[in-house]
Amino acid sequence: MHQHHRRLLTIITESAIESHLLRDIERWGAHGYTITEARGKGARGVREGNWEANRNIRIEVVCEDSVAELIAAGLRQHYYENYAMILYLSDVDVLRPEKF
């Protein structure tokens, strides 16, 4: 089975900015993404998601290295200062590279 290297960019942030993030992520080159609700505790306290202003989402983008770096740089530049957000990158291997 032939595998192809890609990067997984994971974004955990406030659900209130979802539509803005998705617009930017696509503009910066992502072909797709997966969104799930997220809860947890971090530097800004507990995010339980029990009311709209307290909800987090997790966005996962599998893409080429260069696209992941571009998206991460854009998010840091445009969102880090004003929103709770963490980003992390992981190496992944995909079996259908045309999807990413």
C-alpha atoms as a PDB file:
ATOM      1  CA  MET A   1       0.000   0.000   0.000  1.00  0.00           C
ATOM      2  CA  HIS A   2       1.520   3.326  -1.075  1.00  0.00           C
ATOM      3  CA  GLN A   3       1.303   6.138   1.486  1.00  0.00           C
ATOM      4  CA  HIS A   4       1.702   9.875   0.901  1.00  0.00           C
ATOM      5  CA  HIS A   5       2.996  12.392   3.452  1.00  0.00           C
ATOM      6  CA  ARG A   6       0.723  15.260   4.506  1.00  0.00           C
ATOM      7  CA  ARG A   7       0.393  17.513   7.562  1.00  0.00           C
ATOM      8  CA  LEU A   8      -2.502  17.606   9.995  1.00  0.00           C
ATOM      9  CA  LEU A   9      -3.128  21.108  11.330  1.00  0.00           C
ATOM     10  CA  THR A  10      -5.373  21.057  14.389  1.00  0.00           C
ATOM     11  CA  ILE A  11      -7.002  24.287  15.546  1.00  0.00           C
ATOM     12  CA  ILE A  12      -8.865  24.550  18.841  1.00  0.00           C
ATOM     13  CA  THR A  13     -10.630  27.865  19.293  1.00  0.00           C
ATOM     14  CA  GLU A  14     -13.831  29.712  20.096  1.00  0.00           C
ATOM     15  CA  SER A  15     -16.893  28.631  18.123  1.00  0.00           C
ATOM     16  CA  ALA A  16     -17.972  32.266  17.707  1.00  0.00           C
ATOM     17  CA  ILE A  17     -15.364  32.811  14.978  1.00  0.00           C
ATOM     18  CA  GLU A  18     -16.039  29.603  13.031  1.00  0.00           C
ATOM     19  CA  SER A  19     -17.361  31.209   9.830  1.00  0.00           C
ATOM     20  CA  HIS A  20     -14.446  33.667   9.673  1.00  0.00           C
ATOM     21  CA  LEU A  21     -11.912  30.871  10.223  1.00  0.00           C
ATOM     22  CA  LEU A  22     -13.404  28.634   7.558  1.00  0.00           C
ATOM     23  CA  ARG A  23     -13.384  31.456   5.014  1.00  0.00           C
ATOM     24  CA  ASP A  24      -9.716  32.162   5.747  1.00  0.00           C
ATOM     25  CA  ILE A  25      -8.658  28.501   5.880  1.00  0.00           C
ATOM     26  CA  GLU A  26     -10.104  27.924   2.410  1.00  0.00           C
ATOM     27  CA  ARG A  27      -8.623  31.181   1.097  1.00  0.00           C
ATOM     28  CA  TRP A  28      -5.194  30.031   2.332  1.00  0.00           C
ATOM     29  CA  GLY A  29      -5.441  26.773   0.376  1.00  0.00           C
ATOM     30  CA  ALA A  30      -7.250  24.065   2.374  1.00  0.00           C
ATOM     31  CA  HIS A  31      -9.368  21.714   0.240  1.00  0.00           C
ATOM     32  CA  GLY A  32     -11.446  20.609   3.214  1.00  0.00           C
ATOM     33  CA  TYR A  33     -11.665  20.332   6.983  1.00  0.00           C
ATOM     34  CA  THR A  34     -13.410  18.500   9.803  1.00  0.00           C
ATOM     35  CA  ILE A  35     -15.069  20.337  12.700  1.00  0.00           C
ATOM     36  CA  THR A  36     -16.043  18.889  16.075  1.00  0.00           C
ATOM     37  CA  GLU A  37     -17.111  20.446  19.364  1.00  0.00           C
ATOM     38  CA  ALA A  38     -14.371  20.639  21.995  1.00  0.00           C
ATOM     39  CA  ARG A  39     -14.347  21.073  25.765  1.00  0.00           C
ATOM     40  CA  GLY A  40     -11.461  21.337  28.183  1.00  0.00           C
ATOM     41  CA  LYS A  41      -9.310  23.440  30.448  1.00  0.00           C
ATOM     42  CA  GLY A  42      -6.366  25.641  29.563  1.00  0.00           C
ATOM     43  CA  ALA A  43      -4.700  28.978  30.200  1.00  0.00           C
ATOM     44  CA  ARG A  44      -8.023  30.807  29.813  1.00  0.00           C
ATOM     45  CA  GLY A  45      -9.914  28.521  32.194  1.00  0.00           C
ATOM     46  CA  VAL A  46     -12.504  25.809  31.703  1.00  0.00           C
ATOM     47  CA  ARG A  47     -14.489  25.743  28.460  1.00  0.00           C
ATOM     48  CA  GLU A  48     -17.518  23.566  29.211  1.00  0.00           C
ATOM     49  CA  GLY A  49     -19.649  24.526  26.222  1.00  0.00           C
ATOM     50  CA  ASN A  50     -22.817  24.881  28.289  1.00  0.00           C
ATOM     51  CA  TRP A  51     -23.693  28.213  26.627  1.00  0.00           C
ATOM     52  CA  GLU A  52     -22.884  29.707  23.219  1.00  0.00           C
ATOM     53  CA  ALA A  53     -20.183  32.136  24.350  1.00  0.00           C
ATOM     54  CA  ASN A  54     -18.364  29.310  26.161  1.00  0.00           C
ATOM     55  CA  ARG A  55     -18.110  26.816  23.274  1.00  0.00           C
ATOM     56  CA  ASN A  56     -14.961  25.681  21.543  1.00  0.00           C
ATOM     57  CA  ILE A  57     -14.481  23.879  18.270  1.00  0.00           C
ATOM     58  CA  ARG A  58     -11.707  21.695  16.935  1.00  0.00           C
ATOM     59  CA  ILE A  59     -10.904  22.109  13.240  1.00  0.00           C
ATOM     60  CA  GLU A  60      -8.667  19.554  11.557  1.00  0.00           C
ATOM     61  CA  VAL A  61      -7.094  20.223   8.167  1.00  0.00           C
ATOM     62  CA  VAL A  62      -5.048  17.612   6.297  1.00  0.00           C
ATOM     63  CA  CYS A  63      -2.962  19.265   3.599  1.00  0.00           C
ATOM     64  CA  GLU A  64       0.453  19.787   2.038  1.00  0.00           C
ATOM     65  CA  ASP A  65       3.237  21.086   4.314  1.00  0.00           C
ATOM     66  CA  SER A  66       3.288  24.505   2.639  1.00  0.00           C
ATOM     67  CA  VAL A  67      -0.475  24.980   3.024  1.00  0.00           C
ATOM     68  CA  ALA A  68      -0.359  23.993   6.709  1.00  0.00           C
ATOM     69  CA  GLU A  69       2.426  26.514   7.332  1.00  0.00           C
ATOM     70  CA  LEU A  70       0.551  29.265   5.460  1.00  0.00           C
ATOM     71  CA  ILE A  71      -2.676  28.642   7.374  1.00  0.00           C
ATOM     72  CA  ALA A  72      -0.877  28.501  10.733  1.00  0.00           C
ATOM     73  CA  ALA A  73       0.969  31.764  10.018  1.00  0.00           C
ATOM     74  CA  GLY A  74      -2.252  33.482   8.963  1.00  0.00           C
ATOM     75  CA  LEU A  75      -4.110  32.317  12.049  1.00  0.00           C
ATOM     76  CA  ARG A  76      -1.311  33.475  14.334  1.00  0.00           C
ATOM     77  CA  GLN A  77      -1.232  36.876  12.623  1.00  0.00           C
ATOM     78  CA  HIS A  78      -4.982  37.501  12.459  1.00  0.00           C
ATOM     79  CA  TYR A  79      -6.484  35.694  15.460  1.00  0.00           C
ATOM     80  CA  TYR A  80      -3.980  34.935  18.240  1.00  0.00           C
ATOM     81  CA  GLU A  81      -4.103  38.373  19.858  1.00  0.00           C
ATOM     82  CA  ASN A  82      -7.874  38.499  20.309  1.00  0.00           C
ATOM     83  CA  TYR A  83      -9.123  34.918  20.600  1.00  0.00           C
ATOM     84  CA  ALA A  84      -8.425  31.789  22.626  1.00  0.00           C
ATOM     85  CA  MET A  85      -6.695  29.534  20.098  1.00  0.00           C
ATOM     86  CA  ILE A  86      -4.142  26.770  20.012  1.00  0.00           C
ATOM     87  CA  LEU A  87      -2.593  25.199  16.933  1.00  0.00           C
ATOM     88  CA  TYR A  88      -0.547  22.077  16.504  1.00  0.00           C
ATOM     89  CA  LEU A  89       0.895  20.204  13.558  1.00  0.00           C
ATOM     90  CA  SER A  90       1.311  16.462  13.118  1.00  0.00           C
ATOM     91  CA  ASP A  91       2.769  14.338  10.359  1.00  0.00           C
ATOM     92  CA  VAL A  92       0.244  12.001   8.759  1.00  0.00           C
ATOM     93  CA  ASP A  93       0.276   9.529   5.888  1.00  0.00           C
ATOM     94  CA  VAL A  94      -2.731   9.363   3.583  1.00  0.00           C
ATOM     95  CA  LEU A  95      -3.761   6.702   1.115  1.00  0.00           C
ATOM     96  CA  ARG A  96      -5.725   8.963  -1.239  1.00  0.00           C
ATOM     97  CA  PRO A  97      -3.475  12.001  -1.834  1.00  0.00           C
ATOM     98  CA  GLU A  98      -5.834  13.562  -4.387  1.00  0.00           C
ATOM     99  CA  LYS A  99      -8.245  14.335  -1.523  1.00  0.00           C
ATOM    100  CA  PHE A 100      -5.718  16.621   0.181  1.00  0.00           C
END
